[in-house]
């Protein structure tokens, strides 16, 4: 699990939690939102326009841990993201087999 608290840029008392349920680096997992419905809509819209760790467009519905972490820590700064549960990835292995053409 990797769970962040985000707050409204205009009212820091309005908060949303955004959680990646199964944070395996290379396996997409569902993203769960809890809190203020209007702020959730804004955050989802922002995530849908964000780029993952390797430059591809994101989805507000699911993500890999590496992409979720990248979006939360690098592209959601206006919402002051704070990690409240779980831990950030310290390294990343793309699991590309030896000899694979990339």
PDB file of N, CA and C in Angstrom:
ATOM      1  N   UNK A   1       0.841  -1.177   0.000  1.00  0.00           N
ATOM      2  CA  UNK A   1       0.000   0.000   0.000  1.00  0.00           C
ATOM      3  C   UNK A   1       0.887   1.242   0.000  1.00  0.00           C
ATOM      4  N   UNK A   2       0.417   2.251  -0.703  1.00  0.00           N
ATOM      5  CA  UNK A   2       1.038   3.573  -0.705  1.00  0.00           C
ATOM      6  C   UNK A   2      -0.125   4.554  -0.650  1.00  0.00           C
ATOM      7  N   UNK A   3      -0.207   5.326   0.431  1.00  0.00           N
ATOM      8  CA  UNK A   3      -1.364   6.199   0.640  1.00  0.00           C
ATOM      9  C   UNK A   3      -0.900   7.630   0.903  1.00  0.00           C
ATOM     10  N   UNK A   4      -1.494   8.565   0.157  1.00  0.00           N
ATOM     11  CA  UNK A   4      -1.166   9.978   0.284  1.00  0.00           C
ATOM     12  C   UNK A   4      -2.386  10.766   0.736  1.00  0.00           C
ATOM     13  N   UNK A   5      -2.131  11.827   1.479  1.00  0.00           N
ATOM     14  CA  UNK A   5      -3.151  12.815   1.806  1.00  0.00           C
ATOM     15  C   UNK A   5      -2.882  14.032   0.934  1.00  0.00           C
ATOM     16  N   UNK A   6      -3.926  14.523   0.270  1.00  0.00           N
ATOM     17  CA  UNK A   6      -3.813  15.717  -0.561  1.00  0.00           C
ATOM     18  C   UNK A   6      -4.824  16.732  -0.062  1.00  0.00           C
ATOM     19  N   UNK A   7      -4.477  18.006  -0.169  1.00  0.00           N
ATOM     20  CA  UNK A   7      -5.403  19.033   0.303  1.00  0.00           C
ATOM     21  C   UNK A   7      -5.710  20.040  -0.790  1.00  0.00           C
ATOM     22  N   UNK A   8      -6.853  20.662  -0.651  1.00  0.00           N
ATOM     23  CA  UNK A   8      -7.299  21.670  -1.603  1.00  0.00           C
ATOM     24  C   UNK A   8      -6.323  22.841  -1.603  1.00  0.00           C
ATOM     25  N   UNK A   9      -5.940  23.335  -2.794  1.00  0.00           N
ATOM     26  CA  UNK A   9      -5.051  24.494  -2.856  1.00  0.00           C
ATOM     27  C   UNK A   9      -5.695  25.761  -2.287  1.00  0.00           C
ATOM     28  N   UNK A  10      -7.023  25.824  -2.288  1.00  0.00           N
ATOM     29  CA  UNK A  10      -7.718  27.028  -1.819  1.00  0.00           C
ATOM     30  C   UNK A  10      -8.209  26.922  -0.380  1.00  0.00           C
ATOM     31  N   UNK A  11      -8.347  25.688   0.127  1.00  0.00           N
ATOM     32  CA  UNK A  11      -8.796  25.487   1.507  1.00  0.00           C
ATOM     33  C   UNK A  11      -8.095  24.253   2.076  1.00  0.00           C
ATOM     34  N   UNK A  12      -6.990  24.432   2.805  1.00  0.00           N
ATOM     35  CA  UNK A  12      -6.220  23.291   3.295  1.00  0.00           C
ATOM     36  C   UNK A  12      -6.973  22.384   4.267  1.00  0.00           C
ATOM     37  N   UNK A  13      -8.148  22.798   4.719  1.00  0.00           N
ATOM     38  CA  UNK A  13      -8.955  21.942   5.592  1.00  0.00           C
ATOM     39  C   UNK A  13      -9.711  20.874   4.811  1.00  0.00           C
ATOM     40  N   UNK A  14      -9.802  21.042   3.490  1.00  0.00           N
ATOM     41  CA  UNK A  14     -10.462  20.047   2.641  1.00  0.00           C
ATOM     42  C   UNK A  14      -9.388  19.087   2.141  1.00  0.00           C
ATOM     43  N   UNK A  15      -9.559  17.813   2.511  1.00  0.00           N
ATOM     44  CA  UNK A  15      -8.537  16.808   2.194  1.00  0.00           C
ATOM     45  C   UNK A  15      -9.142  15.587   1.510  1.00  0.00           C
ATOM     46  N   UNK A  16      -8.265  14.888   0.801  1.00  0.00           N
ATOM     47  CA  UNK A  16      -8.614  13.637   0.134  1.00  0.00           C
ATOM     48  C   UNK A  16      -7.459  12.670   0.374  1.00  0.00           C
ATOM     49  N   UNK A  17      -7.774  11.393   0.556  1.00  0.00           N
ATOM     50  CA  UNK A  17      -6.716  10.387   0.562  1.00  0.00           C
ATOM     51  C   UNK A  17      -6.756   9.651  -0.769  1.00  0.00           C
ATOM     52  N   UNK A  18      -5.577   9.361  -1.277  1.00  0.00           N
ATOM     53  CA  UNK A  18      -5.421   8.649  -2.542  1.00  0.00           C
ATOM     54  C   UNK A  18      -4.503   7.466  -2.251  1.00  0.00           C
ATOM     55  N   UNK A  19      -5.002   6.259  -2.523  1.00  0.00           N
ATOM     56  CA  UNK A  19      -4.277   5.052  -2.126  1.00  0.00           C
ATOM     57  C   UNK A  19      -4.117   4.090  -3.295  1.00  0.00           C
ATOM     58  N   UNK A  20      -2.901   3.617  -3.475  1.00  0.00           N
ATOM     59  CA  UNK A  20      -2.619   2.536  -4.413  1.00  0.00           C
ATOM     60  C   UNK A  20      -2.646   1.253  -3.598  1.00  0.00           C
ATOM     61  N   UNK A  21      -3.583   0.357  -3.916  1.00  0.00           N
ATOM     62  CA  UNK A  21      -3.831  -0.799  -3.055  1.00  0.00           C
ATOM     63  C   UNK A  21      -2.706  -1.823  -3.037  1.00  0.00           C
ATOM     64  N   UNK A  22      -2.097  -2.098  -4.177  1.00  0.00           N
ATOM     65  CA  UNK A  22      -1.081  -3.148  -4.259  1.00  0.00           C
ATOM     66  C   UNK A  22       0.146  -2.592  -4.964  1.00  0.00           C
ATOM     67  N   UNK A  23       1.038  -1.942  -4.236  1.00  0.00           N
ATOM     68  CA  UNK A  23       2.122  -1.210  -4.885  1.00  0.00           C
ATOM     69  C   UNK A  23       3.300  -2.064  -5.351  1.00  0.00           C
ATOM     70  N   UNK A  24       3.052  -2.990  -6.274  1.00  0.00           N
ATOM     71  CA  UNK A  24       4.157  -3.719  -6.894  1.00  0.00           C
ATOM     72  C   UNK A  24       4.678  -2.841  -8.032  1.00  0.00           C
ATOM     73  N   UNK A  25       5.979  -2.698  -8.145  1.00  0.00           N
ATOM     74  CA  UNK A  25       6.535  -1.738  -9.101  1.00  0.00           C
ATOM     75  C   UNK A  25       6.062  -1.908 -10.546  1.00  0.00           C
ATOM     76  N   UNK A  26       5.831  -3.132 -11.003  1.00  0.00           N
ATOM     77  CA  UNK A  26       5.512  -3.358 -12.413  1.00  0.00           C
ATOM     78  C   UNK A  26       4.105  -3.875 -12.671  1.00  0.00           C
ATOM     79  N   UNK A  27       3.268  -3.925 -11.649  1.00  0.00           N
ATOM     80  CA  UNK A  27       1.913  -4.450 -11.794  1.00  0.00           C
ATOM     81  C   UNK A  27       0.893  -3.347 -11.527  1.00  0.00           C
ATOM     82  N   UNK A  28       0.037  -3.036 -12.510  1.00  0.00           N
ATOM     83  CA  UNK A  28      -0.989  -2.013 -12.263  1.00  0.00           C
ATOM     84  C   UNK A  28      -1.936  -2.444 -11.141  1.00  0.00           C
ATOM     85  N   UNK A  29      -2.340  -1.471 -10.346  1.00  0.00           N
ATOM     86  CA  UNK A  29      -3.244  -1.712  -9.230  1.00  0.00           C
ATOM     87  C   UNK A  29      -4.273  -0.589  -9.177  1.00  0.00           C
ATOM     88  N   UNK A  30      -5.396  -0.875  -8.565  1.00  0.00           N
ATOM     89  CA  UNK A  30      -6.483   0.097  -8.442  1.00  0.00           C
ATOM     90  C   UNK A  30      -6.077   1.261  -7.538  1.00  0.00           C
ATOM     91  N   UNK A  31      -6.515   2.467  -7.916  1.00  0.00           N
ATOM     92  CA  UNK A  31      -6.338   3.658  -7.092  1.00  0.00           C
ATOM     93  C   UNK A  31      -7.678   3.957  -6.428  1.00  0.00           C
ATOM     94  N   UNK A  32      -7.661   4.134  -5.099  1.00  0.00           N
ATOM     95  CA  UNK A  32      -8.875   4.386  -4.324  1.00  0.00           C
ATOM     96  C   UNK A  32      -8.820   5.800  -3.753  1.00  0.00           C
ATOM     97  N   UNK A  33      -9.942   6.509  -3.859  1.00  0.00           N
ATOM     98  CA  UNK A  33     -10.053   7.891  -3.395  1.00  0.00           C
ATOM     99  C   UNK A  33     -11.089   7.967  -2.280  1.00  0.00           C
ATOM    100  N   UNK A  34     -10.787   8.757  -1.242  1.00  0.00           N
ATOM    101  CA  UNK A  34     -11.747   8.997  -0.161  1.00  0.00           C
ATOM    102  C   UNK A  34     -11.683  10.459   0.232  1.00  0.00           C
ATOM    103  N   UNK A  35     -12.860  11.037   0.483  1.00  0.00           N
ATOM    104  CA  UNK A  35     -12.900  12.424   0.936  1.00  0.00           C
ATOM    105  C   UNK A  35     -13.853  13.273   0.125  1.00  0.00           C
ATOM    106  N   UNK A  36     -13.560  14.550   0.059  1.00  0.00           N
ATOM    107  CA  UNK A  36     -14.395  15.541  -0.604  1.00  0.00           C
ATOM    108  C   UNK A  36     -14.571  15.213  -2.091  1.00  0.00           C
ATOM    109  N   UNK A  37     -15.818  15.063  -2.522  1.00  0.00           N
ATOM    110  CA  UNK A  37     -16.114  14.622  -3.895  1.00  0.00           C
ATOM    111  C   UNK A  37     -15.610  15.606  -4.953  1.00  0.00           C
ATOM    112  N   UNK A  38     -15.765  16.896  -4.714  1.00  0.00           N
ATOM    113  CA  UNK A  38     -15.303  17.889  -5.687  1.00  0.00           C
ATOM    114  C   UNK A  38     -13.780  17.851  -5.816  1.00  0.00           C
ATOM    115  N   UNK A  39     -13.087  17.739  -4.699  1.00  0.00           N
ATOM    116  CA  UNK A  39     -11.628  17.668  -4.746  1.00  0.00           C
ATOM    117  C   UNK A  39     -11.172  16.370  -5.408  1.00  0.00           C
ATOM    118  N   UNK A  40     -11.871  15.274  -5.160  1.00  0.00           N
ATOM    119  CA  UNK A  40     -11.548  14.011  -5.832  1.00  0.00           C
ATOM    120  C   UNK A  40     -11.650  14.182  -7.340  1.00  0.00           C
ATOM    121  N   UNK A  41     -12.702  14.837  -7.810  1.00  0.00           N
ATOM    122  CA  UNK A  41     -12.872  15.069  -9.248  1.00  0.00           C
ATOM    123  C   UNK A  41     -11.701  15.863  -9.809  1.00  0.00           C
ATOM    124  N   UNK A  42     -11.268  16.904  -9.110  1.00  0.00           N
ATOM    125  CA  UNK A  42     -10.133  17.725  -9.566  1.00  0.00           C
ATOM    126  C   UNK A  42      -8.843  16.910  -9.595  1.00  0.00           C
ATOM    127  N   UNK A  43      -8.623  16.113  -8.565  1.00  0.00           N
ATOM    128  CA  UNK A  43      -7.408  15.300  -8.497  1.00  0.00           C
ATOM    129  C   UNK A  43      -7.395  14.256  -9.606  1.00  0.00           C
ATOM    130  N   UNK A  44      -8.524  13.586  -9.830  1.00  0.00           N
ATOM    131  CA  UNK A  44      -8.603  12.596 -10.910  1.00  0.00           C
ATOM    132  C   UNK A  44      -8.332  13.245 -12.263  1.00  0.00           C
ATOM    133  N   UNK A  45      -8.894  14.416 -12.478  1.00  0.00           N
ATOM    134  CA  UNK A  45      -8.669  15.135 -13.735  1.00  0.00           C
ATOM    135  C   UNK A  45      -7.176  15.438 -13.908  1.00  0.00           C
ATOM    136  N   UNK A  46      -6.537  15.861 -12.839  1.00  0.00           N
ATOM    137  CA  UNK A  46      -5.105  16.174 -12.893  1.00  0.00           C
ATOM    138  C   UNK A  46      -4.281  14.919 -13.175  1.00  0.00           C
ATOM    139  N   UNK A  47      -4.619  13.804 -12.531  1.00  0.00           N
ATOM    140  CA  UNK A  47      -3.886  12.555 -12.761  1.00  0.00           C
ATOM    141  C   UNK A  47      -4.076  12.086 -14.193  1.00  0.00           C
ATOM    142  N   UNK A  48      -5.289  12.207 -14.725  1.00  0.00           N
ATOM    143  CA  UNK A  48      -5.541  11.798 -16.113  1.00  0.00           C
ATOM    144  C   UNK A  48      -4.735  12.624 -17.116  1.00  0.00           C
ATOM    145  N   UNK A  49      -4.255  13.789 -16.720  1.00  0.00           N
ATOM    146  CA  UNK A  49      -3.455  14.642 -17.597  1.00  0.00           C
ATOM    147  C   UNK A  49      -1.960  14.541 -17.290  1.00  0.00           C
ATOM    148  N   UNK A  50      -1.605  13.732 -16.296  1.00  0.00           N
ATOM    149  CA  UNK A  50      -0.211  13.618 -15.856  1.00  0.00           C
ATOM    150  C   UNK A  50       0.530  12.552 -16.665  1.00  0.00           C
ATOM    151  N   UNK A  51       1.841  12.578 -16.517  1.00  0.00           N
ATOM    152  CA  UNK A  51       2.701  11.607 -17.189  1.00  0.00           C
ATOM    153  C   UNK A  51       3.350  10.692 -16.169  1.00  0.00           C
ATOM    154  N   UNK A  52       3.443   9.411 -16.526  1.00  0.00           N
ATOM    155  CA  UNK A  52       4.089   8.435 -15.665  1.00  0.00           C
ATOM    156  C   UNK A  52       5.597   8.619 -15.641  1.00  0.00           C
ATOM    157  N   UNK A  53       6.259   7.757 -14.918  1.00  0.00           N
ATOM    158  CA  UNK A  53       7.705   7.860 -14.724  1.00  0.00           C
ATOM    159  C   UNK A  53       8.487   7.780 -16.032  1.00  0.00           C
ATOM    160  N   UNK A  54       7.915   7.171 -17.046  1.00  0.00           N
ATOM    161  CA  UNK A  54       8.625   7.002 -18.314  1.00  0.00           C
ATOM    162  C   UNK A  54       7.951   7.744 -19.461  1.00  0.00           C
ATOM    163  N   UNK A  55       7.120   8.749 -19.134  1.00  0.00           N
ATOM    164  CA  UNK A  55       6.576   9.649 -20.138  1.00  0.00           C
ATOM    165  C   UNK A  55       5.236   9.282 -20.742  1.00  0.00           C
ATOM    166  N   UNK A  56       4.603   8.225 -20.310  1.00  0.00           N
ATOM    167  CA  UNK A  56       3.296   7.847 -20.858  1.00  0.00           C
ATOM    168  C   UNK A  56       2.179   8.504 -20.045  1.00  0.00           C
ATOM    169  N   UNK A  57       1.020   8.683 -20.669  1.00  0.00           N
ATOM    170  CA  UNK A  57      -0.119   9.276 -19.967  1.00  0.00           C
ATOM    171  C   UNK A  57      -0.626   8.334 -18.880  1.00  0.00           C
ATOM    172  N   UNK A  58      -1.063   8.925 -17.796  1.00  0.00           N
ATOM    173  CA  UNK A  58      -1.560   8.178 -16.645  1.00  0.00           C
ATOM    174  C   UNK A  58      -3.068   7.961 -16.736  1.00  0.00           C
ATOM    175  N   UNK A  59      -3.556   7.097 -15.854  1.00  0.00           N
ATOM    176  CA  UNK A  59      -4.981   6.871 -15.664  1.00  0.00           C
ATOM    177  C   UNK A  59      -5.293   7.119 -14.193  1.00  0.00           C
ATOM    178  N   UNK A  60      -6.412   7.756 -13.926  1.00  0.00           N
ATOM    179  CA  UNK A  60      -6.821   8.007 -12.540  1.00  0.00           C
ATOM    180  C   UNK A  60      -7.411   6.759 -11.887  1.00  0.00           C
ATOM    181  N   UNK A  61      -7.594   5.687 -12.655  1.00  0.00           N
ATOM    182  CA  UNK A  61      -8.211   4.467 -12.136  1.00  0.00           C
ATOM    183  C   UNK A  61      -7.211   3.443 -11.613  1.00  0.00           C
ATOM    184  N   UNK A  62      -6.052   3.334 -12.270  1.00  0.00           N
ATOM    185  CA  UNK A  62      -5.049   2.356 -11.843  1.00  0.00           C
ATOM    186  C   UNK A  62      -3.665   2.825 -12.272  1.00  0.00           C
ATOM    187  N   UNK A  63      -2.652   2.272 -11.601  1.00  0.00           N
ATOM    188  CA  UNK A  63      -1.274   2.643 -11.916  1.00  0.00           C
ATOM    189  C   UNK A  63      -0.325   1.614 -11.329  1.00  0.00           C
ATOM    190  N   UNK A  64       0.900   1.621 -11.828  1.00  0.00           N
ATOM    191  CA  UNK A  64       1.961   0.865 -11.175  1.00  0.00           C
ATOM    192  C   UNK A  64       2.514   1.739 -10.054  1.00  0.00           C
ATOM    193  N   UNK A  65       3.213   1.141  -9.124  1.00  0.00           N
ATOM    194  CA  UNK A  65       3.753   1.902  -7.992  1.00  0.00           C
ATOM    195  C   UNK A  65       4.734   2.972  -8.443  1.00  0.00           C
ATOM    196  N   UNK A  66       5.580   2.663  -9.420  1.00  0.00           N
ATOM    197  CA  UNK A  66       6.575   3.635  -9.876  1.00  0.00           C
ATOM    198  C   UNK A  66       5.886   4.859 -10.488  1.00  0.00           C
ATOM    199  N   UNK A  67       4.814   4.634 -11.248  1.00  0.00           N
ATOM    200  CA  UNK A  67       4.087   5.753 -11.861  1.00  0.00           C
ATOM    201  C   UNK A  67       3.287   6.537 -10.823  1.00  0.00           C
ATOM    202  N   UNK A  68       2.625   5.832  -9.916  1.00  0.00           N
ATOM    203  CA  UNK A  68       1.844   6.485  -8.859  1.00  0.00           C
ATOM    204  C   UNK A  68       2.742   7.372  -8.005  1.00  0.00           C
ATOM    205  N   UNK A  69       3.873   6.832  -7.599  1.00  0.00           N
ATOM    206  CA  UNK A  69       4.815   7.608  -6.793  1.00  0.00           C
ATOM    207  C   UNK A  69       5.306   8.831  -7.561  1.00  0.00           C
ATOM    208  N   UNK A  70       5.625   8.656  -8.835  1.00  0.00           N
ATOM    209  CA  UNK A  70       6.110   9.771  -9.654  1.00  0.00           C
ATOM    210  C   UNK A  70       5.061  10.878  -9.737  1.00  0.00           C
ATOM    211  N   UNK A  71       3.828  10.506  -9.998  1.00  0.00           N
ATOM    212  CA  UNK A  71       2.767  11.510 -10.117  1.00  0.00           C
ATOM    213  C   UNK A  71       2.535  12.212  -8.778  1.00  0.00           C
ATOM    214  N   UNK A  72       2.446  11.450  -7.706  1.00  0.00           N
ATOM    215  CA  UNK A  72       2.169  12.059  -6.396  1.00  0.00           C
ATOM    216  C   UNK A  72       3.293  12.981  -5.939  1.00  0.00           C
ATOM    217  N   UNK A  73       4.542  12.597  -6.164  1.00  0.00           N
ATOM    218  CA  UNK A  73       5.660  13.381  -5.636  1.00  0.00           C
ATOM    219  C   UNK A  73       6.140  14.477  -6.577  1.00  0.00           C
ATOM    220  N   UNK A  74       5.908  14.333  -7.875  1.00  0.00           N
ATOM    221  CA  UNK A  74       6.453  15.310  -8.827  1.00  0.00           C
ATOM    222  C   UNK A  74       5.406  16.172  -9.517  1.00  0.00           C
ATOM    223  N   UNK A  75       4.168  15.673  -9.640  1.00  0.00           N
ATOM    224  CA  UNK A  75       3.200  16.381 -10.471  1.00  0.00           C
ATOM    225  C   UNK A  75       1.940  16.830  -9.733  1.00  0.00           C
ATOM    226  N   UNK A  76       1.838  16.553  -8.460  1.00  0.00           N
ATOM    227  CA  UNK A  76       0.642  16.935  -7.703  1.00  0.00           C
ATOM    228  C   UNK A  76       0.968  17.963  -6.625  1.00  0.00           C
ATOM    229  N   UNK A  77       2.045  18.707  -6.800  1.00  0.00           N
ATOM    230  CA  UNK A  77       2.526  19.625  -5.755  1.00  0.00           C
ATOM    231  C   UNK A  77       1.497  20.667  -5.344  1.00  0.00           C
ATOM    232  N   UNK A  78       0.622  21.072  -6.268  1.00  0.00           N
ATOM    233  CA  UNK A  78      -0.387  22.078  -5.902  1.00  0.00           C
ATOM    234  C   UNK A  78      -1.336  21.574  -4.815  1.00  0.00           C
ATOM    235  N   UNK A  79      -1.413  20.236  -4.647  1.00  0.00           N
ATOM    236  CA  UNK A  79      -2.277  19.631  -3.633  1.00  0.00           C
ATOM    237  C   UNK A  79      -1.500  19.242  -2.370  1.00  0.00           C
ATOM    238  N   UNK A  80      -0.242  19.626  -2.270  1.00  0.00           N
ATOM    239  CA  UNK A  80       0.620  19.359  -1.097  1.00  0.00           C
ATOM    240  C   UNK A  80       0.552  17.899  -0.646  1.00  0.00           C
ATOM    241  N   UNK A  81       0.914  16.947  -1.521  1.00  0.00           N
ATOM    242  CA  UNK A  81       0.804  15.536  -1.152  1.00  0.00           C
ATOM    243  C   UNK A  81       1.717  15.168   0.015  1.00  0.00           C
ATOM    244  N   UNK A  82       1.180  14.321   0.886  1.00  0.00           N
ATOM    245  CA  UNK A  82       1.934  13.843   2.051  1.00  0.00           C
ATOM    246  C   UNK A  82       1.717  12.339   2.161  1.00  0.00           C
ATOM    247  N   UNK A  83       2.788  11.575   2.170  1.00  0.00           N
ATOM    248  CA  UNK A  83       2.691  10.133   2.352  1.00  0.00           C
ATOM    249  C   UNK A  83       2.263   9.855   3.789  1.00  0.00           C
ATOM    250  N   UNK A  84       1.125   9.170   3.959  1.00  0.00           N
ATOM    251  CA  UNK A  84       0.606   8.917   5.309  1.00  0.00           C
ATOM    252  C   UNK A  84       0.602   7.434   5.672  1.00  0.00           C
ATOM    253  N   UNK A  85       0.813   6.559   4.695  1.00  0.00           N
ATOM    254  CA  UNK A  85       0.888   5.123   4.970  1.00  0.00           C
ATOM    255  C   UNK A  85       1.697   4.458   3.868  1.00  0.00           C
ATOM    256  N   UNK A  86       2.377   3.387   4.220  1.00  0.00           N
ATOM    257  CA  UNK A  86       3.222   2.700   3.259  1.00  0.00           C
ATOM    258  C   UNK A  86       4.573   3.386   3.163  1.00  0.00           C
ATOM    259  N   UNK A  87       5.306   3.061   2.108  1.00  0.00           N
ATOM    260  CA  UNK A  87       6.611   3.686   1.921  1.00  0.00           C
ATOM    261  C   UNK A  87       6.883   3.891   0.442  1.00  0.00           C
ATOM    262  N   UNK A  88       7.741   4.858   0.169  1.00  0.00           N
ATOM    263  CA  UNK A  88       8.134   5.140  -1.202  1.00  0.00           C
ATOM    264  C   UNK A  88       9.111   4.075  -1.680  1.00  0.00           C
ATOM    265  N   UNK A  89       9.126   3.854  -2.992  1.00  0.00           N
ATOM    266  CA  UNK A  89      10.084   2.921  -3.571  1.00  0.00           C
ATOM    267  C   UNK A  89      11.481   3.514  -3.454  1.00  0.00           C
ATOM    268  N   UNK A  90      12.436   2.699  -3.090  1.00  0.00           N
ATOM    269  CA  UNK A  90      13.814   3.163  -2.980  1.00  0.00           C
ATOM    270  C   UNK A  90      14.632   2.798  -4.200  1.00  0.00           C
ATOM    271  N   UNK A  91      14.165   1.823  -4.958  1.00  0.00           N
ATOM    272  CA  UNK A  91      14.840   1.423  -6.191  1.00  0.00           C
ATOM    273  C   UNK A  91      13.787   0.850  -7.133  1.00  0.00           C
ATOM    274  N   UNK A  92      14.182   0.652  -8.380  1.00  0.00           N
ATOM    275  CA  UNK A  92      13.235   0.148  -9.369  1.00  0.00           C
ATOM    276  C   UNK A  92      13.934  -0.830 -10.292  1.00  0.00           C
ATOM    277  N   UNK A  93      13.351  -1.997 -10.482  1.00  0.00           N
ATOM    278  CA  UNK A  93      13.847  -3.008 -11.406  1.00  0.00           C
ATOM    279  C   UNK A  93      12.785  -3.202 -12.478  1.00  0.00           C
ATOM    280  N   UNK A  94      13.065  -2.823 -13.728  1.00  0.00           N
ATOM    281  CA  UNK A  94      12.047  -2.951 -14.778  1.00  0.00           C
ATOM    282  C   UNK A  94      11.750  -4.390 -15.180  1.00  0.00           C
ATOM    283  N   UNK A  95      12.489  -5.346 -14.634  1.00  0.00           N
ATOM    284  CA  UNK A  95      12.280  -6.774 -14.900  1.00  0.00           C
ATOM    285  C   UNK A  95      12.357  -7.106 -16.384  1.00  0.00           C
ATOM    286  N   UNK A  96      13.285  -6.481 -17.088  1.00  0.00           N
ATOM    287  CA  UNK A  96      13.507  -6.776 -18.506  1.00  0.00           C
ATOM    288  C   UNK A  96      14.497  -7.937 -18.575  1.00  0.00           C
ATOM    289  N   UNK A  97      14.117  -9.034 -19.241  1.00  0.00           N
ATOM    290  CA  UNK A  97      15.009 -10.192 -19.313  1.00  0.00           C
ATOM    291  C   UNK A  97      16.304  -9.858 -20.065  1.00  0.00           C
ATOM    292  N   UNK A  98      17.379 -10.536 -19.691  1.00  0.00           N
ATOM    293  CA  UNK A  98      18.640 -10.376 -20.413  1.00  0.00           C
ATOM    294  C   UNK A  98      18.433 -10.724 -21.879  1.00  0.00           C
ATOM    295  N   UNK A  99      18.998  -9.938 -22.762  1.00  0.00           N
ATOM    296  CA  UNK A  99      18.898 -10.187 -24.194  1.00  0.00           C
ATOM    297  C   UNK A  99      17.633  -9.642 -24.837  1.00  0.00           C
ATOM    298  N   UNK A 100      16.731  -9.083 -24.049  1.00  0.00           N
ATOM    299  CA  UNK A 100      15.493  -8.533 -24.614  1.00  0.00           C
ATOM    300  C   UNK A 100      15.799  -7.253 -25.380  1.00  0.00           C
ATOM    301  N   UNK A 101      15.067  -7.042 -26.448  1.00  0.00           N
ATOM    302  CA  UNK A 101      15.199  -5.818 -27.228  1.00  0.00           C
ATOM    303  C   UNK A 101      14.237  -4.798 -26.638  1.00  0.00           C
ATOM    304  N   UNK A 102      14.772  -3.642 -26.263  1.00  0.00           N
ATOM    305  CA  UNK A 102      13.907  -2.619 -25.673  1.00  0.00           C
ATOM    306  C   UNK A 102      13.875  -1.370 -26.514  1.00  0.00           C
TER     307      UNK A 102
END
